[in-house]
């Protein structure tokens, strides 16, 4: 029998006076009240979500077992996983926190604690905090919110705008939102009851700002500037053809000018809504003066304590709706003099949903319910995506591509979004959660051995370049049929070695067939979700075998991955 924490809470009264004192005590400890236990500080509360990827309902999402930092970031938050993470933050294995923050004992803890997130539950927490702090709360979102689910794909982002409007979001910025194309992005913004901010997106021809760079809110007598920083590498990480008339970049100098502009307006606090990624945020804020808080996104880092860079607090609020950040600030003399912070795990088994939001979500999902709930196969092993080096769900996708196209190897992008599936049924919705993007078409092509190594080196440099400004986020490309070794600390062009295809050592003049999806160029092959769904229905049972790159030159933060060899 599967018993969740909610079951324990509901049975706590029955356990009184019985031998079940320990579970009952634990259930009493893990109440919604204790989930929100917090010592209020000052006159302003900032609430923050990011990178939910349009997951309206509670999900499973396994954190990575490898998140390797390089250069100054090696062995430091956010590049800690598993037991290293627990030791650093003083958390105990087997607890709710261990389940929320790490991948350790994931299947057992997932069955014990249940799914996390879901906007009816996030909304419930926000409503509760607003009732405790009337007139003192701003709710902010830093993007990758309107994309990543079947319903967001089929409504082209409108479902999430309706949800954020209902939650009275105060401002947001973006990244994957731009993959709906320029015209649709502007349509979605016109639907929003709140500003979409980006100081670093300009008309590619004239240089004019495409979006408002900032807004100023007055909260409990405090003047708060909110500045947007959209993902700076959007035209590189995603197809340029979707946003041909817009230019992106970190744009440090312009960020400094915007900060100076709002400071000249005598604001009390400067908050940046950033989709840079946490390492890039830390570098940027070390070079741009006058920022008090960065609410960050993109790299999906759930960090229990703010990272201080000078006088700036850098916040990482995780992803997939698993967490709600609460930052209370006492501001005097236009600076932060005290703060309290908690990264609140959204334990949906323990929270009563906001009934109005639950009704809205049901309205959004009802037309697609039958299609989404279709069981397409069973998995004998955990399916997950997140990890610097591999993901079993991507192995499943690559298996489907190899089966469909009959190629030497297959590639799947190192995206960080996509829900986790416990051993058991796999639904169509699970597949869409990994593949629901606006350029899903697959392709078959050929590549030389020389070009294959060049491509892998380029991808590796995007992840492991020691300069954060040269990192574009994401994880290493996934593959089926490739073997190679990665030297994390190597230089560009020297990181990939021992490259083989199906056990055959690759030579520069060799030619191989391969398949892939999510190409920067337009493709005409079937959408990847159709291929994966057909493969799943045909196989009925799956057990993807993970192909993980070998790692050379171990560092403390990569040591866990070093002994694991592909194949």
Protein backbone atom coordinates (compact mmCIF):
# COMPACT_ATOMS: atom_id res chain seq x y z
CA UNK A 1 0.00 0.00 0.00
CA UNK A 2 1.36 3.43 -0.96
CA UNK A 3 1.05 5.87 1.97
CA UNK A 4 2.05 9.49 1.49
CA UNK A 5 2.73 12.22 4.02
CA UNK A 6 -0.77 13.57 3.49
CA UNK A 7 -2.14 10.16 4.50
CA UNK A 8 0.00 10.30 7.64
CA UNK A 9 -1.24 13.77 8.47
CA UNK A 10 -4.85 12.70 8.04
CA UNK A 11 -4.27 9.60 10.18
CA UNK A 12 -2.39 11.43 12.93
CA UNK A 13 -5.44 11.58 15.17
CA UNK A 14 -5.97 7.83 14.85
CA UNK A 15 -2.39 7.20 15.87
CA UNK A 16 -2.69 9.03 19.20
CA UNK A 17 -2.25 6.57 22.04
CA UNK A 18 -1.15 3.81 19.69
CA UNK A 19 2.25 2.39 18.84
CA UNK A 20 2.51 4.72 15.81
CA UNK A 21 3.93 7.60 17.81
CA UNK A 22 6.92 8.23 15.56
CA UNK A 23 4.99 8.61 12.27
CA UNK A 24 2.33 10.68 14.02
CA UNK A 25 4.94 12.96 15.53
CA UNK A 26 6.56 13.31 12.14
CA UNK A 27 3.21 14.09 10.55
CA UNK A 28 2.55 16.80 13.13
CA UNK A 29 6.00 18.23 12.45
CA UNK A 30 5.39 18.48 8.71
CA UNK A 31 2.26 20.61 8.73
CA UNK A 32 1.54 23.47 6.33
CA UNK A 33 2.11 25.83 9.25
CA UNK A 34 5.62 24.48 9.81
CA UNK A 35 6.21 24.45 6.08
CA UNK A 36 5.69 28.23 6.19
CA UNK A 37 7.42 28.75 9.53
CA UNK A 38 9.22 32.06 9.17
CA UNK A 39 10.30 35.01 11.27
CA UNK A 40 9.09 38.14 9.44
CA UNK A 41 11.68 40.85 8.92
CA UNK A 42 11.27 44.47 7.86
CA UNK A 43 8.53 45.94 5.75
CA UNK A 44 8.94 44.19 2.39
CA UNK A 45 8.49 40.58 1.24
CA UNK A 46 9.66 39.37 -2.16
CA UNK A 47 8.17 36.09 -3.39
CA UNK A 48 9.77 34.39 -6.36
CA UNK A 49 9.24 31.50 -8.75
CA UNK A 50 11.16 30.61 -11.88
CA UNK A 51 11.57 27.95 -14.56
CA UNK A 52 8.27 26.18 -13.90
CA UNK A 53 8.09 25.27 -17.59
CA UNK A 54 4.32 25.53 -17.49
CA UNK A 55 3.77 22.61 -15.11
CA UNK A 56 0.29 23.44 -13.88
CA UNK A 57 -0.12 20.38 -11.67
CA UNK A 58 2.17 18.67 -9.13
CA UNK A 59 5.03 16.65 -10.57
CA UNK A 60 8.08 14.60 -9.70
CA UNK A 61 11.39 16.26 -10.53
CA UNK A 62 14.68 14.62 -9.56
CA UNK A 63 17.59 16.95 -8.89
CA UNK A 64 20.91 16.19 -10.61
CA UNK A 65 23.55 13.76 -9.40
CA UNK A 66 26.22 15.84 -11.17
CA UNK A 67 26.26 19.64 -11.47
CA UNK A 68 29.93 20.32 -12.02
CA UNK A 69 31.32 23.79 -11.43
CA UNK A 70 34.50 24.98 -13.13
CA UNK A 71 36.95 27.74 -12.37
CA UNK A 72 35.98 29.78 -9.31
CA UNK A 73 32.62 27.95 -9.13
CA UNK A 74 34.11 24.49 -8.53
CA UNK A 75 32.89 22.87 -5.33
CA UNK A 76 30.70 25.83 -4.35
CA UNK A 77 26.95 26.48 -4.48
CA UNK A 78 25.12 25.98 -6.73
CA UNK A 79 27.50 23.22 -7.88
CA UNK A 80 26.83 20.80 -5.05
CA UNK A 81 24.71 17.68 -5.29
CA UNK A 82 23.61 14.75 -3.17
CA UNK A 83 25.45 14.19 0.09
CA UNK A 84 27.82 17.11 -0.56
CA UNK A 85 24.79 19.39 -0.75
CA UNK A 86 23.30 17.96 2.46
CA UNK A 87 26.58 18.31 4.36
CA UNK A 88 27.14 21.88 3.19
CA UNK A 89 23.69 23.03 4.32
CA UNK A 90 23.51 20.84 7.43
CA UNK A 91 20.53 18.79 6.21
CA UNK A 92 19.79 15.18 7.13
CA UNK A 93 19.41 12.31 4.63
CA UNK A 94 15.95 10.81 4.31
CA UNK A 95 14.14 14.04 5.20
CA UNK A 96 11.72 16.23 3.30
CA UNK A 97 14.58 18.63 2.58
CA UNK A 98 16.79 15.83 1.25
CA UNK A 99 13.98 14.78 -1.08
CA UNK A 100 13.34 18.32 -2.29
CA UNK A 101 16.96 19.37 -2.82
CA UNK A 102 18.81 16.21 -3.92
CA UNK A 103 18.53 12.98 -5.89
CA UNK A 104 19.61 10.74 -2.99
CA UNK A 105 17.22 7.81 -2.34
CA UNK A 106 14.93 9.52 -4.82
CA UNK A 107 12.47 6.74 -5.61
CA UNK A 108 11.87 5.80 -1.97
CA UNK A 109 11.50 9.42 -0.85
CA UNK A 110 9.28 10.29 -3.82
CA UNK A 111 6.91 7.50 -2.85
CA UNK A 112 6.95 8.74 0.74
CA UNK A 113 6.56 12.48 0.20
CA UNK A 114 4.67 12.57 -3.11
CA UNK A 115 4.65 15.08 -5.91
CA UNK A 116 5.74 18.69 -5.57
CA UNK A 117 4.66 21.98 -7.07
CA UNK A 118 1.46 22.77 -8.93
CA UNK A 119 0.12 26.28 -9.27
CA UNK A 120 -2.96 25.72 -7.10
CA UNK A 121 -0.55 24.95 -4.25
CA UNK A 122 1.91 27.75 -5.03
CA UNK A 123 -1.04 30.14 -5.17
CA UNK A 124 -2.26 28.87 -1.80
CA UNK A 125 1.12 29.62 -0.21
CA UNK A 126 1.27 33.07 -1.79
CA UNK A 127 -2.26 33.89 -0.59
CA UNK A 128 -1.32 32.84 2.90
CA UNK A 129 1.80 35.01 2.97
CA UNK A 130 -0.11 37.97 1.54
CA UNK A 131 -2.70 37.62 4.28
CA UNK A 132 0.08 37.68 6.88
CA UNK A 133 1.86 40.64 5.24
CA UNK A 134 -0.89 42.80 3.72
CA UNK A 135 0.41 45.51 1.43
CA UNK A 136 4.02 44.36 1.82
CA UNK A 137 4.41 41.62 -0.82
CA UNK A 138 5.70 41.54 -4.39
CA UNK A 139 5.40 38.29 -6.38
CA UNK A 140 8.02 38.03 -9.14
CA UNK A 141 8.74 35.45 -11.85
CA UNK A 142 11.91 35.17 -13.89
CA UNK A 143 10.72 33.21 -16.89
CA UNK A 144 10.76 29.84 -18.60
CA UNK A 145 7.20 29.84 -17.36
CA UNK A 146 5.09 29.95 -20.52
CA UNK A 147 6.71 26.89 -22.19
CA UNK A 148 7.35 23.23 -21.43
CA UNK A 149 3.98 21.46 -21.24
CA UNK A 150 1.46 20.16 -23.73
CA UNK A 151 -1.13 22.74 -22.68
CA UNK A 152 1.33 25.61 -23.04
CA UNK A 153 2.30 24.35 -26.49
CA UNK A 154 -1.29 23.94 -27.64
CA UNK A 155 -2.46 27.29 -26.21
CA UNK A 156 0.82 28.95 -27.27
CA UNK A 157 1.49 30.21 -23.76
CA UNK A 158 -1.94 31.62 -22.99
CA UNK A 159 -2.68 29.06 -20.27
CA UNK A 160 0.21 30.34 -18.17
CA UNK A 161 -0.63 34.00 -18.70
CA UNK A 162 -4.09 33.28 -17.30
CA UNK A 163 -2.50 31.58 -14.29
CA UNK A 164 -0.01 34.38 -13.60
CA UNK A 165 -2.76 36.98 -13.95
CA UNK A 166 -4.85 35.11 -11.38
CA UNK A 167 -1.84 35.03 -9.04
CA UNK A 168 -1.40 38.81 -9.40
CA UNK A 169 2.18 38.53 -10.56
CA UNK A 170 3.96 41.89 -10.26
CA UNK A 171 6.58 41.46 -13.02
CA UNK A 172 8.47 38.86 -15.05
CA UNK A 173 11.24 38.40 -17.61
CA UNK A 174 11.84 35.50 -19.99
CA UNK A 175 13.74 33.05 -22.16
CA UNK A 176 11.79 30.11 -23.61
CA UNK A 177 8.86 32.51 -23.93
CA UNK A 178 10.68 33.93 -26.98
CA UNK A 179 10.43 30.60 -28.82
CA UNK A 180 6.79 31.40 -29.60
CA UNK A 181 8.12 34.02 -32.01
CA UNK A 182 8.14 37.80 -31.93
CA UNK A 183 4.50 38.35 -32.86
CA UNK A 184 3.13 35.83 -30.38
CA UNK A 185 5.34 37.14 -27.55
CA UNK A 186 3.87 40.60 -28.04
CA UNK A 187 0.35 39.14 -28.10
CA UNK A 188 1.00 37.34 -24.82
CA UNK A 189 2.40 40.49 -23.22
CA UNK A 190 -0.75 42.38 -24.17
CA UNK A 191 -2.72 39.72 -22.26
CA UNK A 192 -0.63 40.23 -19.11
CA UNK A 193 -1.86 42.30 -16.18
CA UNK A 194 1.77 42.93 -15.20
CA UNK A 195 4.92 44.19 -16.96
CA UNK A 196 7.30 41.99 -18.94
CA UNK A 197 10.76 43.48 -18.35
CA UNK A 198 14.05 43.15 -20.25
CA UNK A 199 16.77 45.79 -20.31
CA UNK A 200 18.90 43.66 -22.65
CA UNK A 201 16.62 43.07 -25.67
CA UNK A 202 16.78 45.61 -28.48
CA UNK A 203 15.66 46.07 -32.05
CA UNK A 204 18.44 44.50 -34.10
CA UNK A 205 18.38 47.31 -36.68
CA UNK A 206 17.69 50.48 -34.71
CA UNK A 207 18.74 49.53 -31.21
CA UNK A 208 15.47 50.63 -29.62
CA UNK A 209 14.34 48.70 -26.54
CA UNK A 210 11.78 46.01 -27.33
CA UNK A 211 10.44 45.80 -23.77
CA UNK A 212 10.32 48.08 -20.76
CA UNK A 213 13.69 47.81 -19.01
CA UNK A 214 12.25 48.40 -15.55
CA UNK A 215 9.27 49.37 -13.46
CA UNK A 216 9.09 51.03 -10.05
CA UNK A 217 6.67 49.78 -7.41
CA UNK A 218 5.76 51.48 -4.14
CA UNK A 219 5.30 48.89 -1.40
CA UNK A 220 4.63 49.83 2.22
CA UNK A 221 6.24 53.23 1.66
CA UNK A 222 9.31 51.78 -0.09
CA UNK A 223 10.17 52.60 -3.68
CA UNK A 224 11.33 49.37 -5.33
CA UNK A 225 12.89 49.28 -8.81
CA UNK A 226 12.43 46.02 -10.71
CA UNK A 227 14.82 45.57 -13.67
CA UNK A 228 14.46 42.76 -16.20
CA UNK A 229 17.36 40.70 -17.57
CA UNK A 230 16.17 38.21 -20.19
CA UNK A 231 18.29 35.22 -21.19
CA UNK A 232 21.22 36.87 -22.99
CA UNK A 233 21.98 33.99 -25.37
CA UNK A 234 18.50 33.32 -26.70
CA UNK A 235 19.43 33.62 -30.44
CA UNK A 236 22.28 31.13 -29.90
CA UNK A 237 20.57 28.60 -27.65
CA UNK A 238 17.30 28.73 -29.62
CA UNK A 239 16.55 29.28 -33.32
CA UNK A 240 17.41 32.79 -34.43
CA UNK A 241 14.66 32.55 -37.03
CA UNK A 242 12.04 32.81 -34.26
CA UNK A 243 13.28 36.24 -33.14
CA UNK A 244 15.08 37.61 -36.22
CA UNK A 245 14.57 41.28 -35.41
CA UNK A 246 15.71 41.29 -31.78
CA UNK A 247 19.23 41.42 -30.36
CA UNK A 248 20.19 39.99 -26.98
CA UNK A 249 23.23 40.01 -24.72
CA UNK A 250 24.33 40.50 -21.13
CA UNK A 251 24.78 44.21 -21.85
CA UNK A 252 26.62 45.08 -18.65
CA UNK A 253 27.12 48.73 -19.52
CA UNK A 254 23.44 49.24 -20.23
CA UNK A 255 22.51 47.42 -17.02
CA UNK A 256 24.75 49.82 -15.10
CA UNK A 257 23.11 52.76 -16.87
CA UNK A 258 19.63 51.47 -15.96
CA UNK A 259 20.67 50.94 -12.32
CA UNK A 260 22.09 54.47 -12.24
CA UNK A 261 18.88 55.81 -13.77
CA UNK A 262 16.60 54.27 -11.15
CA UNK A 263 19.00 55.21 -8.35
CA UNK A 264 18.76 58.80 -9.58
CA UNK A 265 15.01 58.51 -9.04
CA UNK A 266 15.72 57.94 -5.33
CA UNK A 267 14.45 54.37 -5.16
CA UNK A 268 15.01 52.53 -1.89
CA UNK A 269 15.82 49.15 -3.42
CA UNK A 270 17.02 47.76 -6.76
CA UNK A 271 15.93 44.22 -7.63
CA UNK A 272 16.97 42.48 -10.87
CA UNK A 273 14.73 39.77 -12.32
CA UNK A 274 17.39 37.75 -14.10
CA UNK A 275 17.41 34.79 -16.45
CA UNK A 276 21.21 34.77 -16.75
CA UNK A 277 21.87 31.67 -14.68
CA UNK A 278 23.45 31.77 -11.23
CA UNK A 279 27.13 31.78 -12.24
CA UNK A 280 26.55 34.59 -14.74
CA UNK A 281 24.53 36.53 -12.16
CA UNK A 282 27.41 36.36 -9.70
CA UNK A 283 29.88 37.67 -12.26
CA UNK A 284 27.54 40.40 -13.50
CA UNK A 285 26.75 41.71 -10.03
CA UNK A 286 30.47 41.84 -9.20
CA UNK A 287 30.87 44.28 -12.11
CA UNK A 288 27.60 46.25 -11.99
CA UNK A 289 27.25 48.42 -8.91
CA UNK A 290 24.06 49.35 -7.08
CA UNK A 291 22.02 46.11 -7.32
CA UNK A 292 20.59 44.96 -3.98
CA UNK A 293 18.94 41.67 -4.95
CA UNK A 294 19.03 39.33 -7.94
CA UNK A 295 16.10 36.97 -8.27
CA UNK A 296 17.64 34.45 -10.65
CA UNK A 297 16.61 31.74 -13.05
CA UNK A 298 17.70 29.64 -16.04
CA UNK A 299 20.06 27.12 -14.43
CA UNK A 300 17.33 25.57 -12.23
CA UNK A 301 19.39 25.93 -9.05
CA UNK A 302 17.48 25.54 -5.79
CA UNK A 303 19.79 27.17 -3.22
CA UNK A 304 18.57 27.21 0.42
CA UNK A 305 20.52 30.35 1.34
CA UNK A 306 21.21 33.52 -0.66
CA UNK A 307 24.69 33.83 -2.11
CA UNK A 308 26.30 37.14 -1.15
CA UNK A 309 28.35 38.97 -3.74
CA UNK A 310 29.51 42.19 -2.14
CA UNK A 311 26.34 43.87 -0.89
CA UNK A 312 24.07 41.92 -3.23
CA UNK A 313 21.91 38.90 -2.41
CA UNK A 314 21.69 36.36 -5.26
CA UNK A 315 18.66 34.06 -5.04
CA UNK A 316 18.18 30.70 -6.79
CA UNK A 317 14.61 29.39 -6.56
CA UNK A 318 14.90 26.03 -8.31
CA UNK A 319 12.47 25.00 -11.01
CA UNK A 320 9.30 23.17 -11.99
CA UNK A 321 7.26 24.81 -9.23
CA UNK A 322 9.09 22.81 -6.56
CA UNK A 323 9.94 25.91 -4.54
CA UNK A 324 8.65 29.34 -3.60
CA UNK A 325 11.31 31.78 -2.42
CA UNK A 326 10.44 34.18 0.36
CA UNK A 327 12.84 37.04 1.06
CA UNK A 328 11.91 39.52 3.79
CA UNK A 329 13.88 42.75 3.80
CA UNK A 330 14.41 45.59 6.21
CA UNK A 331 15.53 48.59 4.19
CA UNK A 332 16.86 51.79 5.75
CA UNK A 333 18.82 54.58 4.16
CA UNK A 334 18.36 52.96 0.73
CA UNK A 335 20.19 49.78 1.70
CA UNK A 336 19.37 46.38 3.17
CA UNK A 337 20.10 46.33 6.91
CA UNK A 338 18.52 42.95 7.68
CA UNK A 339 16.85 40.07 5.88
CA UNK A 340 15.26 36.66 6.36
CA UNK A 341 15.05 34.03 3.64
CA UNK A 342 13.47 30.66 3.05
CA UNK A 343 13.29 28.50 -0.03
CA UNK A 344 9.91 26.91 0.70
CA UNK A 345 9.40 23.39 -0.68
CA UNK A 346 5.97 23.23 -2.32
CA UNK A 347 4.95 19.89 -0.78
CA UNK A 348 1.59 19.49 -2.48
CA UNK A 349 0.65 16.48 -0.33
CA UNK A 350 0.64 18.79 2.69
CA UNK A 351 -0.98 21.95 1.30
CA UNK A 352 -4.63 22.68 0.63
CA UNK A 353 -4.95 24.03 -2.93
CA UNK A 354 -6.29 27.47 -3.74
CA UNK A 355 -9.81 26.50 -4.92
CA UNK A 356 -10.09 29.31 -7.48
CA UNK A 357 -6.75 28.43 -9.04
CA UNK A 358 -7.65 24.74 -8.99
CA UNK A 359 -10.83 25.51 -10.93
CA UNK A 360 -8.92 27.59 -13.48
CA UNK A 361 -6.36 24.83 -13.99
CA UNK A 362 -9.12 22.27 -14.40
CA UNK A 363 -10.76 24.51 -17.01
CA UNK A 364 -7.47 24.80 -18.91
CA UNK A 365 -6.68 21.08 -18.82
CA UNK A 366 -10.15 19.57 -19.25
CA UNK A 367 -10.24 19.70 -23.10
CA UNK A 368 -6.98 17.74 -23.24
CA UNK A 369 -7.45 15.41 -20.27
CA UNK A 370 -8.07 12.20 -22.23
CA UNK A 371 -5.13 12.77 -24.55
CA UNK A 372 -2.73 13.67 -21.73
CA UNK A 373 -3.67 10.79 -19.46
CA UNK A 374 -3.15 8.05 -22.07
CA UNK A 375 -0.78 5.39 -20.69
CA UNK A 376 1.68 4.75 -23.52
CA UNK A 377 4.07 2.26 -21.88
CA UNK A 378 5.61 1.19 -18.59
CA UNK A 379 9.11 1.97 -17.45
CA UNK A 380 11.07 -0.49 -15.36
CA UNK A 381 13.46 2.21 -14.19
CA UNK A 382 13.38 5.86 -13.13
CA UNK A 383 13.04 8.29 -16.03
CA UNK A 384 14.67 11.66 -15.40
CA UNK A 385 16.35 14.37 -17.42
CA UNK A 386 18.40 16.56 -15.09
CA UNK A 387 22.14 15.95 -14.80
CA UNK A 388 25.24 17.52 -16.34
CA UNK A 389 26.11 14.37 -18.22
CA UNK A 390 23.10 12.15 -18.79
CA UNK A 391 19.39 11.61 -18.34
CA UNK A 392 17.46 8.39 -18.68
CA UNK A 393 14.48 10.08 -20.34
CA UNK A 394 16.79 11.36 -23.07
CA UNK A 395 18.13 7.83 -23.52
CA UNK A 396 14.50 6.81 -24.10
CA UNK A 397 14.15 9.59 -26.68
CA UNK A 398 17.40 8.57 -28.39
CA UNK A 399 16.31 4.92 -28.46
CA UNK A 400 13.15 6.03 -30.25
CA UNK A 401 15.12 8.08 -32.79
CA UNK A 402 17.54 5.22 -33.55
CA UNK A 403 14.60 2.84 -33.93
CA UNK A 404 12.74 5.21 -36.26
CA UNK A 405 15.63 6.27 -38.49
CA UNK A 406 17.97 3.25 -38.30
CA UNK A 407 21.04 5.46 -37.75
CA UNK A 408 24.48 4.92 -36.22
CA UNK A 409 23.71 7.22 -33.29
CA UNK A 410 21.17 9.74 -32.03
CA UNK A 411 21.48 13.04 -30.19
CA UNK A 412 19.12 14.77 -27.76
CA UNK A 413 19.68 18.32 -26.44
CA UNK A 414 20.85 18.83 -22.86
CA UNK A 415 17.68 20.62 -21.81
CA UNK A 416 17.08 20.88 -18.06
CA UNK A 417 13.29 20.82 -18.20
CA UNK A 418 11.19 17.66 -18.18
CA UNK A 419 9.40 15.88 -15.37
CA UNK A 420 10.61 12.70 -13.67
CA UNK A 421 8.64 9.45 -13.96
CA UNK A 422 8.82 6.77 -11.26
CA UNK A 423 8.98 3.10 -12.32
CA UNK A 424 5.50 2.27 -13.59
CA UNK A 425 3.14 3.84 -16.15
CA UNK A 426 4.37 6.49 -18.57
CA UNK A 427 1.67 8.82 -19.91
CA UNK A 428 1.50 10.94 -23.02
CA UNK A 429 1.76 14.00 -20.76
CA UNK A 430 5.08 12.71 -19.44
CA UNK A 431 6.43 12.55 -22.99
CA UNK A 432 5.17 16.03 -23.85
CA UNK A 433 6.80 17.42 -20.70
CA UNK A 434 10.16 16.51 -22.29
CA UNK A 435 9.42 17.54 -25.85
CA UNK A 436 6.80 20.33 -25.94
CA UNK A 437 8.58 23.04 -27.87
CA UNK A 438 7.80 25.02 -30.99
CA UNK A 439 10.53 23.42 -33.14
CA UNK A 440 10.06 19.69 -32.42
CA UNK A 441 10.81 18.32 -35.88
CA UNK A 442 13.31 15.49 -36.13
CA UNK A 443 15.92 14.92 -38.80
CA UNK A 444 18.36 12.37 -40.20
CA UNK A 445 21.76 13.46 -41.46
CA UNK A 446 25.40 12.44 -41.86
CA UNK A 447 28.49 13.81 -40.18
CA UNK A 448 32.23 13.30 -40.48
CA UNK A 449 34.35 12.15 -37.58
CA UNK A 450 36.15 15.49 -37.58
CA UNK A 451 32.93 17.50 -37.45
CA UNK A 452 31.46 15.25 -34.75
CA UNK A 453 34.39 15.98 -32.45
CA UNK A 454 34.14 19.70 -33.23
CA UNK A 455 30.43 19.73 -32.36
CA UNK A 456 30.99 17.90 -29.07
CA UNK A 457 33.87 20.23 -28.17
CA UNK A 458 31.68 23.27 -28.84
CA UNK A 459 28.83 21.93 -26.70
CA UNK A 460 31.26 21.05 -23.91
CA UNK A 461 32.73 24.56 -23.96
CA UNK A 462 29.27 26.06 -23.58
CA UNK A 463 28.96 24.20 -20.27
CA UNK A 464 32.49 24.03 -18.86
CA UNK A 465 34.18 27.24 -19.97
CA UNK A 466 35.61 28.73 -16.75
CA UNK A 467 34.33 32.19 -17.73
CA UNK A 468 30.63 32.33 -16.75
CA UNK A 469 29.97 34.80 -19.55
CA UNK A 470 30.84 32.05 -22.03
CA UNK A 471 28.47 29.53 -20.47
CA UNK A 472 25.05 29.25 -22.06
CA UNK A 473 23.48 26.91 -19.53
CA UNK A 474 22.00 23.52 -20.27
CA UNK A 475 23.68 20.15 -19.83
CA UNK A 476 25.86 17.97 -22.06
CA UNK A 477 24.18 16.65 -25.19
CA UNK A 478 22.69 13.19 -24.68
CA UNK A 479 23.41 10.40 -27.13
CA UNK A 480 22.82 6.77 -28.01
CA UNK A 481 25.63 4.99 -29.79
CA UNK A 482 28.46 7.37 -28.81
CA UNK A 483 31.32 6.77 -26.37
CA UNK A 484 33.74 9.47 -25.28
CA UNK A 485 35.72 10.89 -22.37
CA UNK A 486 35.29 14.46 -21.13
CA UNK A 487 38.15 16.41 -19.55
CA UNK A 488 36.19 19.03 -17.62
CA UNK A 489 39.26 21.16 -16.89
CA UNK A 490 40.61 21.05 -20.44
CA UNK A 491 40.75 23.89 -22.94
CA UNK A 492 38.50 24.34 -25.95
CA UNK A 493 39.35 21.64 -28.48
CA UNK A 494 40.99 19.31 -25.95
CA UNK A 495 38.10 18.21 -23.74
CA UNK A 496 36.78 15.31 -25.85
CA UNK A 497 38.84 12.14 -26.33
CA UNK A 498 38.39 8.39 -26.90
CA UNK A 499 35.49 9.15 -29.25
CA UNK A 500 33.81 6.04 -30.64
CA UNK A 501 30.58 5.21 -32.47
CA UNK A 502 29.09 1.80 -31.66
CA UNK A 503 32.44 0.73 -30.26
CA UNK A 504 34.40 1.82 -33.34
CA UNK A 505 37.10 4.45 -32.75
CA UNK A 506 36.26 7.60 -34.73
CA UNK A 507 38.70 8.84 -37.38
CA UNK A 508 38.47 12.34 -38.89
CA UNK A 509 37.45 11.12 -42.35
CA UNK A 510 34.83 8.63 -41.15
CA UNK A 511 31.19 9.30 -42.01
CA UNK A 512 28.28 8.39 -39.73
CA UNK A 513 24.51 8.64 -39.93
CA UNK A 514 22.70 10.22 -37.01
CA UNK A 515 19.31 11.56 -35.96
CA UNK A 516 18.28 14.42 -33.72
CA UNK A 517 15.62 17.00 -32.90
CA UNK A 518 15.23 20.63 -31.79
CA UNK A 519 17.53 21.85 -34.55
CA UNK A 520 18.48 25.50 -35.01
CA UNK A 521 17.65 25.06 -38.71
CA UNK A 522 14.16 24.28 -39.92
CA UNK A 523 13.56 20.55 -40.30
CA UNK A 524 10.76 18.55 -41.88
CA UNK A 525 10.87 15.20 -40.06
CA UNK A 526 8.07 14.05 -37.77
CA UNK A 527 7.80 15.87 -34.42
CA UNK A 528 9.86 14.16 -31.75
CA UNK A 529 6.87 13.61 -29.48
CA UNK A 530 5.10 11.62 -32.20
CA UNK A 531 8.14 9.39 -32.70
CA UNK A 532 8.58 8.80 -28.96
CA UNK A 533 4.87 8.12 -28.40
CA UNK A 534 4.78 5.62 -31.28
CA UNK A 535 7.91 3.90 -29.98
CA UNK A 536 6.51 3.71 -26.44
CA UNK A 537 3.22 2.19 -27.61
CA UNK A 538 5.13 -0.36 -29.69
CA UNK A 539 7.57 -1.36 -26.94
CA UNK A 540 5.01 -1.42 -24.11
CA UNK A 541 7.83 -1.83 -21.55
CA UNK A 542 11.05 0.19 -21.54
CA UNK A 543 14.28 0.15 -19.57
CA UNK A 544 16.64 2.78 -21.01
CA UNK A 545 20.34 2.05 -20.50
CA UNK A 546 22.22 5.23 -19.67
CA UNK A 547 25.23 6.10 -21.82
CA UNK A 548 27.27 8.43 -19.60
CA UNK A 549 30.56 10.03 -20.69
CA UNK A 550 33.66 9.09 -18.80
CA UNK A 551 35.18 12.00 -16.90
CA UNK A 552 38.92 12.64 -16.89
CA UNK A 553 40.78 14.93 -14.47
CA UNK A 554 38.54 14.62 -11.42
CA UNK A 555 37.82 17.67 -9.33
CA UNK A 556 36.18 17.46 -5.88
CA UNK A 557 32.83 18.52 -7.33
CA UNK A 558 33.00 15.96 -10.16
CA UNK A 559 34.45 13.02 -8.22
CA UNK A 560 31.09 11.29 -7.86
CA UNK A 561 30.75 11.06 -11.64
CA UNK A 562 34.32 9.97 -12.33
CA UNK A 563 34.00 6.22 -11.71
CA UNK A 564 30.93 5.91 -13.90
CA UNK A 565 31.75 4.77 -17.41
CA UNK A 566 29.50 4.87 -20.44
CA UNK A 567 27.96 1.69 -21.73
